[in-house]
């Protein structure tokens, strides 16, 4: 017997809400940006090759035609145009910045570490930095070591930032709208292999609050905590495990900073087992923070087995598809981790 629950969108649909449309993850992100730019003239988009070239992954396709003055191609200087965005945000604009690959955030690290997240605090709340930085994250595309990293744990170590990682088109649109309307700098990580995935998205305007996890599947035997592309992989593993009589609860964090730890704690109290899955490398990864949160809560006393972390190997991402596939978490590895945990 499998146990699943309706998603937030499915719940809304049963309550007589407006119609829905099937679209890709990339289309949902583009639709969110276009709708927010129509709603608020202070929202604008900037980044490398996002105009006629439509961005490295085609997300900004045709946007320059509707917003010729608010879709801005930039020089190849991440530090320069992210710095410009911060200045514009301080002055009341709401910039959306696209960086081609998350690896290139290293080129504007000072802006993300010392500038954008610190200004509101250092000016006693008199200054806000309502900026969204969108970037493609993760591996699985054969893009090799400098274009495939998952660096979310580094970002979550910076007070003042918010870090979002949506896993579905529905979540991507709702979370991006909330990020654009937020008065703080938000890093919006888009896993590359999700861009072409499809899902149903409401036709009406909606937002998803930042900092709220989503239980993608109910279960009683083991909790899996994950985010981004690994959500789909964990759900596939849950289907396989259900055939063996192991009912796993899959929690999609959606927002990594701030993190919805209460949902994790409540789930672990119920299932008494925890497996954490992420694509980033294990050492220093977010899995350690999640595990520590359980160790520091009363849920620790409910555990019937040690917490298990499943992540990528601590190596640079290989160019070879065979080697790359070998270092990443997959359905088989997740199933085995859950079996060992509940046995």
Protein backbone atom coordinates (compact mmCIF):
# COMPACT_ATOMS: atom_id res chain seq x y z
CA UNK A 1 0.00 0.00 0.00
CA UNK A 2 1.39 3.38 -0.99
CA UNK A 3 0.68 6.54 0.90
CA UNK A 4 0.76 9.83 -0.95
CA UNK A 5 -0.83 13.18 -0.31
CA UNK A 6 -2.16 15.88 -2.62
CA UNK A 7 0.29 18.62 -3.41
CA UNK A 8 -0.55 22.19 -2.47
CA UNK A 9 -1.70 22.78 -6.04
CA UNK A 10 -3.88 19.66 -6.08
CA UNK A 11 -5.47 20.79 -2.83
CA UNK A 12 -6.20 24.20 -4.37
CA UNK A 13 -7.71 22.57 -7.43
CA UNK A 14 -10.17 20.60 -5.32
CA UNK A 15 -11.34 23.84 -3.74
CA UNK A 16 -12.69 25.22 -7.01
CA UNK A 17 -9.73 27.46 -7.84
CA UNK A 18 -9.15 28.65 -11.44
CA UNK A 19 -7.83 26.47 -14.24
CA UNK A 20 -4.34 25.05 -14.66
CA UNK A 21 -1.81 24.78 -17.47
CA UNK A 22 0.92 22.24 -18.10
CA UNK A 23 4.29 23.86 -18.57
CA UNK A 24 7.96 23.17 -18.13
CA UNK A 25 10.04 24.27 -15.16
CA UNK A 26 11.76 26.85 -17.41
CA UNK A 27 8.43 28.19 -18.66
CA UNK A 28 7.14 28.52 -15.10
CA UNK A 29 10.16 30.61 -14.15
CA UNK A 30 9.76 32.80 -17.22
CA UNK A 31 6.05 33.25 -16.56
CA UNK A 32 6.74 34.28 -12.96
CA UNK A 33 9.24 36.92 -14.09
CA UNK A 34 6.96 38.27 -16.82
CA UNK A 35 3.97 38.51 -14.52
CA UNK A 36 5.98 40.30 -11.85
CA UNK A 37 7.45 42.71 -14.40
CA UNK A 38 3.94 43.53 -15.62
CA UNK A 39 2.76 43.98 -12.04
CA UNK A 40 5.67 46.13 -10.85
CA UNK A 41 7.58 48.53 -13.10
CA UNK A 42 10.53 48.47 -10.68
CA UNK A 43 11.29 44.83 -11.50
CA UNK A 44 13.93 44.34 -14.19
CA UNK A 45 16.19 41.55 -15.43
CA UNK A 46 19.91 41.61 -16.12
CA UNK A 47 22.57 39.05 -17.01
CA UNK A 48 24.81 37.69 -19.73
CA UNK A 49 23.15 36.88 -23.10
CA UNK A 50 19.61 36.95 -21.70
CA UNK A 51 18.17 39.04 -24.54
CA UNK A 52 18.23 37.78 -28.13
CA UNK A 53 20.31 34.78 -27.09
CA UNK A 54 17.63 33.98 -24.40
CA UNK A 55 20.06 32.85 -21.69
CA UNK A 56 22.24 29.76 -21.47
CA UNK A 57 19.20 27.52 -20.94
CA UNK A 58 16.56 29.46 -22.85
CA UNK A 59 14.67 30.61 -19.78
CA UNK A 60 14.41 34.26 -20.84
CA UNK A 61 13.22 33.50 -24.39
CA UNK A 62 11.43 36.45 -26.06
CA UNK A 63 11.30 38.48 -22.83
CA UNK A 64 13.30 41.30 -24.39
CA UNK A 65 10.51 41.88 -26.92
CA UNK A 66 7.93 42.66 -24.24
CA UNK A 67 10.36 44.47 -21.95
CA UNK A 68 12.97 46.06 -24.23
CA UNK A 69 14.07 48.56 -21.57
CA UNK A 70 14.03 46.12 -18.65
CA UNK A 71 15.87 43.07 -20.01
CA UNK A 72 19.52 44.07 -19.94
CA UNK A 73 22.42 42.13 -21.46
CA UNK A 74 25.54 42.67 -19.37
CA UNK A 75 29.29 42.40 -19.94
CA UNK A 76 31.02 39.20 -18.82
CA UNK A 77 31.69 40.61 -15.37
CA UNK A 78 29.66 39.01 -12.60
CA UNK A 79 31.16 41.24 -9.92
CA UNK A 80 30.27 44.30 -11.97
CA UNK A 81 26.64 43.60 -12.79
CA UNK A 82 25.80 42.00 -9.42
CA UNK A 83 27.22 45.11 -7.80
CA UNK A 84 25.03 47.25 -10.08
CA UNK A 85 22.00 45.20 -9.06
CA UNK A 86 22.73 45.72 -5.37
CA UNK A 87 22.95 49.47 -5.92
CA UNK A 88 19.69 49.48 -7.85
CA UNK A 89 17.97 47.46 -5.12
CA UNK A 90 19.15 49.86 -2.42
CA UNK A 91 17.66 52.71 -4.49
CA UNK A 92 14.24 51.05 -4.66
CA UNK A 93 14.36 48.86 -7.76
CA UNK A 94 13.80 45.09 -7.70
CA UNK A 95 16.46 43.52 -9.92
CA UNK A 96 16.50 39.89 -11.01
CA UNK A 97 20.04 38.84 -11.84
CA UNK A 98 20.80 35.76 -13.92
CA UNK A 99 24.19 34.09 -13.58
CA UNK A 100 24.71 31.37 -16.20
CA UNK A 101 26.12 28.73 -13.85
CA UNK A 102 26.15 28.71 -10.07
CA UNK A 103 29.90 28.06 -10.20
CA UNK A 104 30.33 31.63 -11.47
CA UNK A 105 29.05 33.03 -8.19
CA UNK A 106 32.69 32.76 -7.13
CA UNK A 107 33.35 35.71 -9.44
CA UNK A 108 31.05 37.94 -7.35
CA UNK A 109 31.68 36.37 -3.94
CA UNK A 110 32.40 39.69 -2.26
CA UNK A 111 28.98 40.97 -3.35
CA UNK A 112 27.23 37.86 -1.98
CA UNK A 113 29.27 37.59 1.19
CA UNK A 114 30.00 41.14 2.30
CA UNK A 115 27.60 43.48 0.51
CA UNK A 116 24.03 42.38 -0.29
CA UNK A 117 23.35 40.31 2.87
CA UNK A 118 24.93 42.79 5.31
CA UNK A 119 23.51 46.18 4.30
CA UNK A 120 20.11 45.95 5.98
CA UNK A 121 21.74 44.95 9.27
CA UNK A 122 24.58 47.47 9.11
CA UNK A 123 22.19 50.36 8.35
CA UNK A 124 19.84 49.44 11.18
CA UNK A 125 17.01 48.37 8.89
CA UNK A 126 16.91 51.68 7.02
CA UNK A 127 18.14 50.04 3.81
CA UNK A 128 16.66 47.03 2.02
CA UNK A 129 18.18 44.97 -0.79
CA UNK A 130 15.21 43.40 -2.65
CA UNK A 131 17.24 41.45 -5.19
CA UNK A 132 16.90 37.94 -6.67
CA UNK A 133 19.92 36.13 -8.06
CA UNK A 134 18.88 33.23 -10.31
CA UNK A 135 21.42 30.65 -11.39
CA UNK A 136 21.64 27.14 -12.85
CA UNK A 137 23.00 24.62 -10.37
CA UNK A 138 24.07 20.99 -10.16
CA UNK A 139 25.39 18.24 -12.39
CA UNK A 140 24.13 15.44 -14.56
CA UNK A 141 24.69 17.26 -17.86
CA UNK A 142 28.31 16.41 -18.63
CA UNK A 143 29.36 20.01 -18.06
CA UNK A 144 32.41 19.01 -15.99
CA UNK A 145 33.99 20.34 -12.83
CA UNK A 146 33.63 24.12 -13.35
CA UNK A 147 29.99 24.12 -14.49
CA UNK A 148 28.33 21.41 -12.36
CA UNK A 149 28.78 22.22 -8.69
CA UNK A 150 26.09 22.41 -6.00
CA UNK A 151 27.19 25.24 -3.71
CA UNK A 152 24.08 25.85 -1.63
CA UNK A 153 25.77 24.98 1.68
CA UNK A 154 28.24 27.85 1.21
CA UNK A 155 25.36 30.26 0.62
CA UNK A 156 23.43 29.00 3.64
CA UNK A 157 26.39 29.95 5.81
CA UNK A 158 25.82 33.66 5.08
CA UNK A 159 23.36 35.42 7.44
CA UNK A 160 21.19 37.88 5.54
CA UNK A 161 20.67 35.75 2.44
CA UNK A 162 17.66 33.61 1.63
CA UNK A 163 18.30 30.46 -0.42
CA UNK A 164 15.56 28.77 -2.48
CA UNK A 165 15.71 25.51 -4.48
CA UNK A 166 12.40 24.60 -6.18
CA UNK A 167 11.80 21.08 -7.51
CA UNK A 168 8.64 21.45 -9.65
CA UNK A 169 7.17 23.99 -12.08
CA UNK A 170 4.43 24.80 -9.54
CA UNK A 171 6.97 25.46 -6.79
CA UNK A 172 9.31 27.34 -9.12
CA UNK A 173 6.68 29.89 -10.13
CA UNK A 174 5.20 30.41 -6.68
CA UNK A 175 8.54 30.64 -4.92
CA UNK A 176 10.07 32.98 -7.51
CA UNK A 177 7.15 35.38 -7.16
CA UNK A 178 7.66 35.42 -3.40
CA UNK A 179 11.40 35.92 -3.87
CA UNK A 180 10.87 38.91 -6.17
CA UNK A 181 8.47 40.51 -3.69
CA UNK A 182 10.77 39.88 -0.71
CA UNK A 183 12.77 42.82 0.64
CA UNK A 184 15.92 40.74 1.17
CA UNK A 185 18.49 39.27 -1.24
CA UNK A 186 17.34 35.83 -2.39
CA UNK A 187 19.48 33.23 -4.16
CA UNK A 188 17.26 31.14 -6.46
CA UNK A 189 18.97 27.90 -7.49
CA UNK A 190 17.58 26.13 -10.56
CA UNK A 191 18.79 22.58 -11.15
CA UNK A 192 19.67 22.22 -14.84
CA UNK A 193 18.04 18.85 -15.41
CA UNK A 194 14.72 20.23 -14.16
CA UNK A 195 14.33 22.88 -16.87
CA UNK A 196 12.52 20.54 -19.28
CA UNK A 197 10.44 18.69 -16.70
CA UNK A 198 6.72 19.40 -16.84
CA UNK A 199 3.97 19.97 -14.32
CA UNK A 200 0.62 21.62 -13.83
CA UNK A 201 0.63 25.28 -12.81
CA UNK A 202 -2.40 27.39 -11.79
CA UNK A 203 -3.47 30.09 -14.20
CA UNK A 204 -4.25 32.52 -11.38
CA UNK A 205 -1.72 34.57 -9.46
CA UNK A 206 -0.29 32.70 -6.48
CA UNK A 207 2.77 32.70 -4.25
CA UNK A 208 4.43 30.12 -2.02
CA UNK A 209 5.87 31.45 1.26
CA UNK A 210 9.62 31.27 1.66
CA UNK A 211 10.71 29.08 4.55
CA UNK A 212 7.95 26.47 4.28
CA UNK A 213 8.76 22.86 3.33
CA UNK A 214 6.34 20.63 1.42
CA UNK A 215 5.61 16.98 2.20
CA UNK A 216 5.59 15.51 -1.29
CA UNK A 217 4.67 12.01 -0.07
CA UNK A 218 3.30 10.69 3.23
CA UNK A 219 4.86 7.68 4.93
CA UNK A 220 5.22 5.99 8.29
CA UNK A 221 8.49 4.04 8.17
CA UNK A 222 11.23 6.49 7.22
CA UNK A 223 11.62 10.21 6.52
CA UNK A 224 13.61 11.33 3.48
CA UNK A 225 14.60 15.01 3.53
CA UNK A 226 15.77 16.42 0.22
CA UNK A 227 15.42 19.31 -2.24
CA UNK A 228 15.86 20.29 -5.89
CA UNK A 229 16.37 17.58 -8.49
CA UNK A 230 16.77 14.91 -5.83
CA UNK A 231 13.07 15.29 -4.93
CA UNK A 232 12.06 13.46 -8.12
CA UNK A 233 14.71 10.80 -7.54
CA UNK A 234 13.59 10.27 -3.95
CA UNK A 235 9.94 10.01 -5.01
CA UNK A 236 10.90 7.34 -7.54
CA UNK A 237 12.79 5.49 -4.81
CA UNK A 238 9.77 5.79 -2.53
CA UNK A 239 7.62 4.09 -5.17
CA UNK A 240 10.06 1.20 -5.37
CA UNK A 241 10.28 0.88 -1.58
CA UNK A 242 6.49 0.94 -1.25
CA UNK A 243 6.33 -2.26 -3.29
CA UNK A 244 8.51 -3.83 -0.60
CA UNK A 245 6.23 -2.57 2.17
CA UNK A 246 8.48 0.33 3.25
CA UNK A 247 6.47 3.57 3.38
CA UNK A 248 8.73 6.60 3.15
CA UNK A 249 7.77 10.21 3.80
CA UNK A 250 9.45 12.56 1.33
CA UNK A 251 9.98 16.15 2.50
CA UNK A 252 10.95 18.79 -0.06
CA UNK A 253 12.65 21.63 1.81
CA UNK A 254 12.11 24.12 -1.06
CA UNK A 255 13.71 26.92 0.99
CA UNK A 256 17.08 26.07 2.52
CA UNK A 257 17.53 29.38 4.33
CA UNK A 258 15.43 29.90 6.35
CA UNK A 259 14.79 26.19 6.78
CA UNK A 260 11.51 24.68 7.94
CA UNK A 261 12.98 22.49 10.68
CA UNK A 262 9.65 21.97 12.42
CA UNK A 263 8.29 19.91 9.53
CA UNK A 264 11.38 17.68 9.64
CA UNK A 265 11.18 17.22 13.41
CA UNK A 266 7.48 16.34 13.28
CA UNK A 267 8.10 13.77 10.56
CA UNK A 268 11.02 12.12 12.34
CA UNK A 269 8.97 11.84 15.52
CA UNK A 270 6.45 9.84 13.48
CA UNK A 271 8.71 7.63 11.33
CA UNK A 272 11.65 7.23 13.77
CA UNK A 273 14.10 7.02 10.87
CA UNK A 274 15.83 9.74 8.81
CA UNK A 275 17.70 9.66 5.51
CA UNK A 276 18.98 12.95 4.08
CA UNK A 277 19.68 13.18 0.35
CA UNK A 278 21.35 15.99 -1.59
CA UNK A 279 23.39 16.33 -4.75
CA UNK A 280 26.09 18.50 -3.18
CA UNK A 281 29.19 16.81 -1.79
CA UNK A 282 28.81 15.24 1.62
CA UNK A 283 31.55 17.04 3.56
CA UNK A 284 30.22 20.38 4.77
CA UNK A 285 26.93 19.75 2.96
CA UNK A 286 23.51 20.80 4.19
CA UNK A 287 22.84 17.24 5.33
CA UNK A 288 25.10 17.80 8.31
CA UNK A 289 23.05 20.83 9.40
CA UNK A 290 19.80 18.91 9.07
CA UNK A 291 21.19 16.00 11.07
CA UNK A 292 22.45 18.36 13.78
CA UNK A 293 19.02 19.97 14.00
CA UNK A 294 17.47 16.60 14.79
CA UNK A 295 20.24 15.79 17.27
CA UNK A 296 19.48 19.06 19.08
CA UNK A 297 15.72 18.43 19.20
CA UNK A 298 13.56 15.99 21.11
CA UNK A 299 13.11 14.05 17.85
CA UNK A 300 16.55 12.55 18.56
CA UNK A 301 15.01 10.41 21.30
CA UNK A 302 12.48 8.98 18.83
CA UNK A 303 15.15 7.64 16.46
CA UNK A 304 15.41 3.86 16.15
CA UNK A 305 18.55 4.04 13.99
CA UNK A 306 21.40 6.46 13.22
CA UNK A 307 20.70 9.29 10.78
CA UNK A 308 21.92 8.50 7.27
CA UNK A 309 23.33 11.05 4.80
CA UNK A 310 23.49 10.29 1.08
CA UNK A 311 25.31 12.81 -1.13
CA UNK A 312 27.75 13.11 -4.01
CA UNK A 313 31.30 11.88 -3.60
CA UNK A 314 33.82 14.44 -2.34
CA UNK A 315 35.47 14.88 -5.73
CA UNK A 316 35.30 17.44 -8.56
CA UNK A 317 32.46 16.58 -10.93
CA UNK A 318 33.94 14.44 -13.76
CA UNK A 319 33.37 15.23 -17.43
CA UNK A 320 32.93 11.53 -18.26
CA UNK A 321 29.18 10.70 -18.16
CA UNK A 322 29.92 7.30 -16.65
CA UNK A 323 32.10 8.73 -13.89
CA UNK A 324 29.69 11.61 -13.24
CA UNK A 325 26.78 9.21 -12.91
CA UNK A 326 28.83 7.16 -10.49
CA UNK A 327 29.43 9.96 -7.99
CA UNK A 328 25.84 11.28 -7.84
CA UNK A 329 23.03 9.91 -5.66
CA UNK A 330 20.52 7.82 -7.59
CA UNK A 331 17.37 5.80 -7.00
CA UNK A 332 19.25 2.59 -6.27
CA UNK A 333 21.52 4.24 -3.70
CA UNK A 334 18.56 5.91 -1.99
CA UNK A 335 16.63 2.63 -1.76
CA UNK A 336 19.63 0.90 -0.26
CA UNK A 337 20.17 3.68 2.30
CA UNK A 338 16.53 3.49 3.42
CA UNK A 339 16.59 -0.32 3.62
CA UNK A 340 19.71 -0.25 5.79
CA UNK A 341 18.22 2.45 8.00
CA UNK A 342 14.92 0.71 8.72
CA UNK A 343 16.32 -2.83 8.96
